[in-house]
């Protein structure tokens, strides 16, 4: 089981990159895309279940 703060380790790293004057905006954008990839993969894998669940909740009422 991961440590509680381990899942958010990319946010401080991106903050450091953003405030460093020697780092270009391309590097910061590349880091942001790399940080986004795991969430995007999970969304794409669970998209069908998510839409099914939302549609089922909408028709219960």
N, C-alpha and C. Protein backbone atom coordinates (compact mmCIF):
# COMPACT_ATOMS: atom_id res chain seq x y z
N UNK A 1 0.85 -1.18 0.00
CA UNK A 1 0.00 0.00 0.00
C UNK A 1 0.89 1.23 0.00
N UNK A 2 0.62 2.18 -0.90
CA UNK A 2 1.47 3.37 -0.97
C UNK A 2 1.26 4.29 0.21
N UNK A 3 2.25 5.11 0.44
CA UNK A 3 2.16 6.09 1.52
C UNK A 3 1.10 7.14 1.16
N UNK A 4 0.51 7.81 2.15
CA UNK A 4 -0.56 8.76 1.87
C UNK A 4 -0.17 9.89 0.92
N UNK A 5 1.02 10.43 1.01
CA UNK A 5 1.42 11.54 0.17
C UNK A 5 2.08 11.12 -1.13
N UNK A 6 2.26 9.82 -1.35
CA UNK A 6 3.00 9.34 -2.52
C UNK A 6 2.25 9.60 -3.82
N UNK A 7 0.93 9.59 -3.79
CA UNK A 7 0.15 9.78 -5.01
C UNK A 7 0.23 11.21 -5.52
N UNK A 8 0.59 12.14 -4.67
CA UNK A 8 0.63 13.54 -5.05
C UNK A 8 2.06 14.04 -5.19
N UNK A 9 3.00 13.17 -5.43
CA UNK A 9 4.40 13.56 -5.51
C UNK A 9 4.68 14.38 -6.76
N UNK A 10 3.85 14.28 -7.78
CA UNK A 10 4.11 15.02 -9.01
C UNK A 10 3.79 16.51 -8.87
N UNK A 11 2.87 16.88 -7.98
CA UNK A 11 2.49 18.28 -7.86
C UNK A 11 3.64 19.16 -7.34
N UNK A 12 4.33 18.78 -6.27
CA UNK A 12 5.46 19.60 -5.85
C UNK A 12 6.57 19.65 -6.90
N UNK A 13 6.77 18.57 -7.62
CA UNK A 13 7.80 18.56 -8.65
C UNK A 13 7.45 19.54 -9.76
N UNK A 14 6.19 19.58 -10.16
CA UNK A 14 5.78 20.54 -11.20
C UNK A 14 5.89 21.97 -10.69
N UNK A 15 5.62 22.18 -9.43
CA UNK A 15 5.74 23.51 -8.85
C UNK A 15 7.19 23.98 -8.86
N UNK A 16 8.11 23.08 -8.55
CA UNK A 16 9.53 23.43 -8.57
C UNK A 16 9.97 23.74 -9.99
N UNK A 17 9.51 22.94 -10.95
CA UNK A 17 9.87 23.20 -12.35
C UNK A 17 9.34 24.55 -12.81
N UNK A 18 8.14 24.88 -12.38
CA UNK A 18 7.51 26.12 -12.84
C UNK A 18 8.22 27.36 -12.29
N UNK A 19 8.75 27.27 -11.08
CA UNK A 19 9.37 28.44 -10.46
C UNK A 19 10.86 28.55 -10.79
N UNK A 20 11.46 27.54 -11.38
CA UNK A 20 12.87 27.59 -11.74
C UNK A 20 13.05 28.40 -13.02
N UNK A 21 13.80 29.50 -12.98
CA UNK A 21 13.93 30.34 -14.18
C UNK A 21 14.71 29.69 -15.32
N UNK A 22 15.49 28.66 -15.04
CA UNK A 22 16.29 28.01 -16.08
C UNK A 22 15.50 26.96 -16.86
N UNK A 23 14.33 26.61 -16.39
CA UNK A 23 13.52 25.57 -17.02
C UNK A 23 12.53 26.24 -17.97
N UNK A 24 12.50 25.77 -19.20
CA UNK A 24 11.58 26.34 -20.18
C UNK A 24 10.16 25.84 -20.00
N UNK A 25 9.24 26.51 -20.67
CA UNK A 25 7.83 26.13 -20.55
C UNK A 25 7.56 24.77 -21.18
N UNK A 26 8.36 24.38 -22.16
CA UNK A 26 8.18 23.06 -22.78
C UNK A 26 8.41 21.93 -21.80
N UNK A 27 9.38 22.10 -20.92
CA UNK A 27 9.67 21.07 -19.91
C UNK A 27 8.52 20.98 -18.92
N UNK A 28 7.98 22.13 -18.53
CA UNK A 28 6.85 22.13 -17.59
C UNK A 28 5.63 21.48 -18.23
N UNK A 29 5.37 21.79 -19.49
CA UNK A 29 4.24 21.17 -20.18
C UNK A 29 4.43 19.67 -20.35
N UNK A 30 5.65 19.24 -20.63
CA UNK A 30 5.93 17.81 -20.75
C UNK A 30 5.69 17.12 -19.41
N UNK A 31 6.10 17.75 -18.32
CA UNK A 31 5.86 17.17 -17.00
C UNK A 31 4.38 17.09 -16.67
N UNK A 32 3.63 18.10 -17.08
CA UNK A 32 2.18 18.09 -16.84
C UNK A 32 1.51 16.97 -17.63
N UNK A 33 1.94 16.76 -18.86
CA UNK A 33 1.37 15.68 -19.67
C UNK A 33 1.70 14.33 -19.07
N UNK A 34 2.93 14.17 -18.62
CA UNK A 34 3.32 12.90 -17.99
C UNK A 34 2.51 12.67 -16.71
N UNK A 35 2.23 13.73 -15.95
CA UNK A 35 1.42 13.59 -14.74
C UNK A 35 -0.03 13.27 -15.07
N UNK A 36 -0.50 13.68 -16.25
CA UNK A 36 -1.89 13.46 -16.65
C UNK A 36 -2.14 12.05 -17.19
N UNK A 37 -1.12 11.41 -17.72
CA UNK A 37 -1.29 10.12 -18.40
C UNK A 37 -1.95 9.04 -17.54
N UNK A 38 -1.54 8.82 -16.28
CA UNK A 38 -2.21 7.76 -15.49
C UNK A 38 -3.71 8.00 -15.30
N UNK A 39 -4.11 9.25 -15.04
CA UNK A 39 -5.53 9.55 -14.89
C UNK A 39 -6.28 9.33 -16.19
N UNK A 40 -5.68 9.68 -17.29
CA UNK A 40 -6.30 9.49 -18.59
C UNK A 40 -6.48 8.02 -18.92
N UNK A 41 -5.50 7.20 -18.59
CA UNK A 41 -5.59 5.76 -18.84
C UNK A 41 -6.73 5.15 -18.01
N UNK A 42 -6.81 5.53 -16.74
CA UNK A 42 -7.88 5.01 -15.89
C UNK A 42 -9.24 5.44 -16.42
N UNK A 43 -9.37 6.68 -16.84
CA UNK A 43 -10.63 7.17 -17.38
C UNK A 43 -11.01 6.38 -18.64
N UNK A 44 -10.07 6.19 -19.54
CA UNK A 44 -10.37 5.48 -20.78
C UNK A 44 -10.76 4.03 -20.52
N UNK A 45 -10.13 3.41 -19.53
CA UNK A 45 -10.47 2.01 -19.20
C UNK A 45 -11.84 1.89 -18.55
N UNK A 46 -12.23 2.89 -17.78
CA UNK A 46 -13.49 2.81 -17.02
C UNK A 46 -14.60 3.66 -17.62
N UNK A 47 -14.40 4.19 -18.81
CA UNK A 47 -15.37 5.10 -19.41
C UNK A 47 -16.73 4.44 -19.60
N UNK A 48 -16.75 3.22 -20.08
CA UNK A 48 -18.02 2.54 -20.33
C UNK A 48 -18.79 2.33 -19.03
N UNK A 49 -18.09 1.93 -17.97
CA UNK A 49 -18.75 1.74 -16.67
C UNK A 49 -19.26 3.06 -16.12
N UNK A 50 -18.50 4.11 -16.30
CA UNK A 50 -18.90 5.42 -15.82
C UNK A 50 -20.17 5.90 -16.50
N UNK A 51 -20.23 5.78 -17.81
CA UNK A 51 -21.41 6.22 -18.57
C UNK A 51 -22.62 5.35 -18.21
N UNK A 52 -22.41 4.06 -18.07
CA UNK A 52 -23.51 3.16 -17.68
C UNK A 52 -24.06 3.53 -16.32
N UNK A 53 -23.17 3.81 -15.37
CA UNK A 53 -23.60 4.18 -14.02
C UNK A 53 -24.36 5.49 -14.00
N UNK A 54 -23.89 6.46 -14.74
CA UNK A 54 -24.58 7.75 -14.80
C UNK A 54 -25.95 7.60 -15.44
N UNK A 55 -26.03 6.81 -16.50
CA UNK A 55 -27.32 6.60 -17.17
C UNK A 55 -28.30 5.84 -16.28
N UNK A 56 -27.80 4.88 -15.51
CA UNK A 56 -28.66 4.14 -14.60
C UNK A 56 -29.20 5.04 -13.49
N UNK A 57 -28.38 5.93 -12.98
CA UNK A 57 -28.82 6.86 -11.94
C UNK A 57 -29.84 7.85 -12.49
N UNK A 58 -29.69 8.23 -13.74
CA UNK A 58 -30.60 9.20 -14.33
C UNK A 58 -32.00 8.62 -14.56
N UNK A 59 -32.10 7.31 -14.76
CA UNK A 59 -33.39 6.71 -15.05
C UNK A 59 -34.08 6.13 -13.81
N UNK A 60 -33.45 6.19 -12.64
CA UNK A 60 -34.06 5.63 -11.43
C UNK A 60 -35.25 6.44 -10.95
N UNK A 61 -35.19 7.74 -11.11
CA UNK A 61 -36.07 8.68 -10.48
C UNK A 61 -37.48 8.67 -10.76
